[in-house]
Amino acid sequence: MHAIIVTGGKQYKVAEGDTLFIEKLPAEADSQVVFDQVLAILDGDSATIGTPNVKGAKVEATVLKNGKGKKIRIFKYNPKKGYRKRQGHRQPYTKVEIKKISA
């Protein structure tokens, strides 16, 4: 059984037991989180598509940890002008494990 959920402005196809990195949630490690924006439930040959969400469907997950991703480096410059700017960024994330999909 698979589900398509929305969190952090992105869509994810998840199944029970999956581990995924999503945009940071305001939840502590080892806490439960429920995703109620379920766009579709896919179960073998049958599929339930929501308009826009499937009524009564939810996906339960456990927060494993919160952290930051690898640093990306931003470098801007204008040739022949002497303008150079260096910056770094680490995107925060939440690592979750999908426990249960209910429709």
N, C-alpha and C. Protein backbone atom coordinates (compact mmCIF):
# COMPACT_ATOMS: atom_id res chain seq x y z
N MET A 1 0.84 -1.18 0.00
CA MET A 1 0.00 0.00 0.00
C MET A 1 0.89 1.24 0.00
N HIS A 2 0.60 2.15 -0.90
CA HIS A 2 1.34 3.41 -1.02
C HIS A 2 0.37 4.57 -0.83
N ALA A 3 0.93 5.71 -0.46
CA ALA A 3 0.14 6.93 -0.35
C ALA A 3 0.98 8.08 -0.89
N ILE A 4 0.30 9.10 -1.41
CA ILE A 4 0.98 10.32 -1.84
C ILE A 4 0.55 11.42 -0.89
N ILE A 5 1.52 11.97 -0.16
CA ILE A 5 1.23 12.98 0.85
C ILE A 5 1.88 14.31 0.47
N VAL A 6 1.41 15.37 1.11
CA VAL A 6 1.97 16.71 0.90
C VAL A 6 2.48 17.21 2.24
N THR A 7 3.73 17.64 2.29
CA THR A 7 4.28 18.28 3.47
C THR A 7 5.42 19.19 3.03
N GLY A 8 5.49 20.35 3.61
CA GLY A 8 6.55 21.29 3.28
C GLY A 8 6.49 21.78 1.85
N GLY A 9 5.30 21.77 1.23
CA GLY A 9 5.17 22.23 -0.15
C GLY A 9 5.65 21.24 -1.18
N LYS A 10 5.94 20.00 -0.77
CA LYS A 10 6.40 18.97 -1.69
C LYS A 10 5.52 17.74 -1.55
N GLN A 11 5.50 16.91 -2.59
CA GLN A 11 4.72 15.68 -2.58
C GLN A 11 5.66 14.49 -2.49
N TYR A 12 5.27 13.49 -1.68
CA TYR A 12 6.08 12.30 -1.47
C TYR A 12 5.22 11.06 -1.64
N LYS A 13 5.76 10.05 -2.33
CA LYS A 13 5.10 8.75 -2.41
C LYS A 13 5.72 7.88 -1.33
N VAL A 14 4.89 7.44 -0.38
CA VAL A 14 5.40 6.72 0.79
C VAL A 14 4.71 5.37 0.93
N ALA A 15 5.39 4.46 1.59
CA ALA A 15 4.85 3.15 1.97
C ALA A 15 5.22 2.92 3.42
N GLU A 16 4.56 1.96 4.06
CA GLU A 16 4.87 1.66 5.46
C GLU A 16 6.30 1.17 5.57
N GLY A 17 7.03 1.71 6.55
CA GLY A 17 8.42 1.33 6.76
C GLY A 17 9.42 2.23 6.06
N ASP A 18 8.96 3.14 5.21
CA ASP A 18 9.87 4.05 4.50
C ASP A 18 10.46 5.08 5.46
N THR A 19 11.69 5.48 5.18
CA THR A 19 12.35 6.56 5.90
C THR A 19 12.63 7.66 4.90
N LEU A 20 12.24 8.90 5.24
CA LEU A 20 12.48 9.99 4.30
C LEU A 20 12.84 11.27 5.03
N PHE A 21 13.53 12.13 4.29
CA PHE A 21 13.95 13.43 4.78
C PHE A 21 13.00 14.47 4.21
N ILE A 22 12.32 15.21 5.10
CA ILE A 22 11.36 16.22 4.68
C ILE A 22 11.75 17.57 5.24
N GLU A 23 11.06 18.61 4.82
CA GLU A 23 11.31 19.94 5.36
C GLU A 23 11.06 19.92 6.86
N LYS A 24 11.79 20.75 7.59
CA LYS A 24 11.77 20.70 9.06
C LYS A 24 10.36 20.90 9.61
N LEU A 25 10.00 20.02 10.56
CA LEU A 25 8.72 20.09 11.26
C LEU A 25 8.96 20.52 12.71
N PRO A 26 7.99 21.22 13.32
CA PRO A 26 8.14 21.60 14.73
C PRO A 26 7.81 20.44 15.65
N ALA A 27 8.60 19.37 15.60
CA ALA A 27 8.37 18.18 16.42
C ALA A 27 9.70 17.67 16.94
N GLU A 28 9.68 17.15 18.16
CA GLU A 28 10.89 16.61 18.78
C GLU A 28 11.14 15.19 18.27
N ALA A 29 12.36 14.69 18.50
CA ALA A 29 12.70 13.32 18.12
C ALA A 29 11.87 12.34 18.96
N ASP A 30 11.54 11.20 18.38
CA ASP A 30 10.74 10.14 19.00
C ASP A 30 9.29 10.54 19.25
N SER A 31 8.80 11.58 18.60
CA SER A 31 7.40 11.95 18.73
C SER A 31 6.63 11.48 17.48
N GLN A 32 5.31 11.45 17.60
CA GLN A 32 4.46 11.03 16.51
C GLN A 32 4.00 12.25 15.72
N VAL A 33 3.87 12.09 14.42
CA VAL A 33 3.35 13.14 13.56
C VAL A 33 2.36 12.50 12.59
N VAL A 34 1.28 13.23 12.29
CA VAL A 34 0.23 12.71 11.40
C VAL A 34 0.13 13.62 10.19
N PHE A 35 0.19 13.04 9.01
CA PHE A 35 0.02 13.77 7.76
C PHE A 35 -1.41 13.51 7.30
N ASP A 36 -2.24 14.56 7.27
CA ASP A 36 -3.63 14.38 6.85
C ASP A 36 -3.90 14.90 5.45
N GLN A 37 -2.91 15.50 4.82
CA GLN A 37 -3.05 15.90 3.42
C GLN A 37 -2.60 14.75 2.54
N VAL A 38 -3.51 13.81 2.29
CA VAL A 38 -3.23 12.63 1.48
C VAL A 38 -3.92 12.82 0.13
N LEU A 39 -3.13 12.87 -0.93
CA LEU A 39 -3.68 13.10 -2.26
C LEU A 39 -4.21 11.83 -2.90
N ALA A 40 -3.59 10.69 -2.60
CA ALA A 40 -4.00 9.43 -3.23
C ALA A 40 -3.57 8.26 -2.36
N ILE A 41 -4.37 7.18 -2.43
CA ILE A 41 -4.03 5.92 -1.79
C ILE A 41 -3.96 4.88 -2.91
N LEU A 42 -2.83 4.20 -3.01
CA LEU A 42 -2.61 3.20 -4.05
C LEU A 42 -2.47 1.84 -3.37
N ASP A 43 -3.42 0.93 -3.65
CA ASP A 43 -3.41 -0.38 -3.00
C ASP A 43 -3.55 -1.46 -4.07
N GLY A 44 -2.41 -1.96 -4.52
CA GLY A 44 -2.43 -2.99 -5.56
C GLY A 44 -2.98 -2.43 -6.87
N ASP A 45 -4.09 -3.01 -7.34
CA ASP A 45 -4.69 -2.56 -8.59
C ASP A 45 -5.62 -1.38 -8.39
N SER A 46 -6.13 -1.19 -7.18
CA SER A 46 -7.10 -0.11 -6.95
C SER A 46 -6.39 1.16 -6.49
N ALA A 47 -6.96 2.29 -6.86
CA ALA A 47 -6.40 3.58 -6.48
C ALA A 47 -7.55 4.50 -6.08
N THR A 48 -7.36 5.21 -4.97
CA THR A 48 -8.33 6.20 -4.53
C THR A 48 -7.68 7.56 -4.67
N ILE A 49 -8.25 8.39 -5.52
CA ILE A 49 -7.71 9.71 -5.79
C ILE A 49 -8.60 10.74 -5.12
N GLY A 50 -8.02 11.67 -4.39
CA GLY A 50 -8.79 12.69 -3.70
C GLY A 50 -9.07 13.89 -4.58
N THR A 51 -10.04 14.70 -4.13
CA THR A 51 -10.37 15.94 -4.84
C THR A 51 -10.43 17.10 -3.86
N PRO A 52 -9.42 17.72 -3.42
CA PRO A 52 -8.00 17.41 -3.68
C PRO A 52 -7.43 16.38 -2.71
N ASN A 53 -8.06 16.17 -1.53
CA ASN A 53 -7.54 15.20 -0.57
C ASN A 53 -8.51 14.04 -0.42
N VAL A 54 -7.98 12.88 -0.01
CA VAL A 54 -8.82 11.73 0.28
C VAL A 54 -9.42 11.93 1.66
N LYS A 55 -10.75 11.88 1.75
CA LYS A 55 -11.44 12.12 3.02
C LYS A 55 -11.16 10.98 3.99
N GLY A 56 -10.79 11.34 5.21
CA GLY A 56 -10.57 10.36 6.27
C GLY A 56 -9.24 9.63 6.20
N ALA A 57 -8.42 9.91 5.22
CA ALA A 57 -7.14 9.22 5.09
C ALA A 57 -6.07 9.97 5.87
N LYS A 58 -5.17 9.22 6.48
CA LYS A 58 -4.05 9.84 7.18
C LYS A 58 -2.86 8.89 7.18
N VAL A 59 -1.70 9.47 7.33
CA VAL A 59 -0.46 8.72 7.39
C VAL A 59 0.23 9.08 8.69
N GLU A 60 0.53 8.07 9.50
CA GLU A 60 1.18 8.28 10.79
C GLU A 60 2.66 7.97 10.65
N ALA A 61 3.48 8.80 11.29
CA ALA A 61 4.93 8.64 11.19
C ALA A 61 5.57 8.96 12.53
N THR A 62 6.80 8.50 12.71
CA THR A 62 7.59 8.79 13.89
C THR A 62 8.78 9.63 13.48
N VAL A 63 9.04 10.70 14.23
CA VAL A 63 10.18 11.56 13.96
C VAL A 63 11.43 10.87 14.51
N LEU A 64 12.40 10.62 13.66
CA LEU A 64 13.64 9.99 14.09
C LEU A 64 14.65 11.02 14.57
N LYS A 65 14.81 12.11 13.80
CA LYS A 65 15.73 13.17 14.24
C LYS A 65 15.51 14.42 13.42
N ASN A 66 15.99 15.52 13.95
CA ASN A 66 16.04 16.79 13.24
C ASN A 66 17.51 17.10 13.00
N GLY A 67 17.82 17.68 11.86
CA GLY A 67 19.22 17.98 11.58
C GLY A 67 19.35 18.98 10.45
N LYS A 68 20.59 19.14 9.99
CA LYS A 68 20.88 20.02 8.87
C LYS A 68 21.59 19.22 7.79
N GLY A 69 21.31 19.56 6.54
CA GLY A 69 21.92 18.89 5.41
C GLY A 69 23.35 19.35 5.19
N LYS A 70 23.96 18.86 4.14
CA LYS A 70 25.32 19.26 3.80
C LYS A 70 25.34 20.72 3.38
N LYS A 71 26.47 21.36 3.59
CA LYS A 71 26.59 22.78 3.23
C LYS A 71 26.71 22.93 1.73
N ILE A 72 25.95 23.88 1.22
CA ILE A 72 26.12 24.26 -0.17
C ILE A 72 26.76 25.64 -0.19
N ARG A 73 27.60 25.87 -1.16
CA ARG A 73 28.32 27.14 -1.25
C ARG A 73 27.74 27.98 -2.37
N ILE A 74 27.46 29.23 -2.04
CA ILE A 74 26.95 30.18 -3.02
C ILE A 74 28.05 31.18 -3.30
N PHE A 75 28.39 31.37 -4.56
CA PHE A 75 29.44 32.31 -4.93
C PHE A 75 28.92 33.20 -6.05
N LYS A 76 28.85 34.50 -5.77
CA LYS A 76 28.39 35.46 -6.77
C LYS A 76 29.55 36.37 -7.14
N TYR A 77 29.62 36.73 -8.40
CA TYR A 77 30.65 37.68 -8.80
C TYR A 77 30.24 38.38 -10.09
N ASN A 78 30.77 39.57 -10.26
CA ASN A 78 30.62 40.30 -11.50
C ASN A 78 32.00 40.43 -12.13
N PRO A 79 32.17 39.93 -13.32
CA PRO A 79 33.49 40.01 -13.94
C PRO A 79 33.89 41.46 -14.21
N LYS A 80 35.17 41.75 -14.04
CA LYS A 80 35.78 43.05 -14.33
C LYS A 80 35.34 44.15 -13.38
N LYS A 81 34.59 43.84 -12.35
CA LYS A 81 34.10 44.88 -11.42
C LYS A 81 34.67 44.72 -10.01
N GLY A 82 35.30 43.59 -9.72
CA GLY A 82 35.87 43.39 -8.39
C GLY A 82 34.84 42.97 -7.35
N TYR A 83 33.64 42.58 -7.76
CA TYR A 83 32.59 42.18 -6.84
C TYR A 83 32.62 40.67 -6.68
N ARG A 84 32.87 40.22 -5.45
CA ARG A 84 32.85 38.81 -5.15
C ARG A 84 32.16 38.63 -3.80
N LYS A 85 31.26 37.65 -3.73
CA LYS A 85 30.53 37.40 -2.50
C LYS A 85 30.41 35.90 -2.30
N ARG A 86 30.81 35.43 -1.12
CA ARG A 86 30.77 34.00 -0.83
C ARG A 86 29.83 33.78 0.35
N GLN A 87 29.00 32.75 0.25
CA GLN A 87 28.01 32.48 1.28
C GLN A 87 27.79 30.98 1.35
N GLY A 88 27.38 30.49 2.51
CA GLY A 88 27.06 29.07 2.66
C GLY A 88 25.67 28.91 3.25
N HIS A 89 25.10 27.71 3.06
CA HIS A 89 23.76 27.45 3.58
C HIS A 89 23.61 25.97 3.89
N ARG A 90 22.99 25.67 5.04
CA ARG A 90 22.66 24.29 5.40
C ARG A 90 21.16 24.22 5.65
N GLN A 91 20.46 23.44 4.83
CA GLN A 91 19.00 23.35 4.91
C GLN A 91 18.60 22.43 6.06
N PRO A 92 17.74 22.90 6.98
CA PRO A 92 17.27 22.02 8.05
C PRO A 92 16.28 20.98 7.52
N TYR A 93 16.28 19.79 8.13
CA TYR A 93 15.40 18.72 7.72
C TYR A 93 14.88 17.97 8.94
N THR A 94 13.86 17.16 8.72
CA THR A 94 13.35 16.23 9.71
C THR A 94 13.33 14.85 9.07
N LYS A 95 13.92 13.88 9.76
CA LYS A 95 13.95 12.51 9.26
C LYS A 95 12.79 11.77 9.92
N VAL A 96 11.87 11.21 9.11
CA VAL A 96 10.71 10.52 9.64
C VAL A 96 10.63 9.10 9.08
N GLU A 97 9.99 8.22 9.85
CA GLU A 97 9.74 6.85 9.41
C GLU A 97 8.23 6.65 9.38
N ILE A 98 7.73 6.18 8.25
CA ILE A 98 6.29 5.98 8.08
C ILE A 98 5.89 4.69 8.80
N LYS A 99 4.89 4.82 9.71
CA LYS A 99 4.44 3.67 10.50
C LYS A 99 3.16 3.05 9.96
N LYS A 100 2.16 3.90 9.64
CA LYS A 100 0.86 3.36 9.29
C LYS A 100 0.15 4.25 8.28
N ILE A 101 -0.47 3.61 7.29
CA ILE A 101 -1.29 4.32 6.30
C ILE A 101 -2.73 3.83 6.49
N SER A 102 -3.62 4.75 6.80
CA SER A 102 -5.03 4.36 6.98
C SER A 102 -5.90 5.20 6.07
N ALA A 103 -6.90 4.53 5.47
CA ALA A 103 -7.78 5.24 4.53
C ALA A 103 -9.17 5.37 5.11
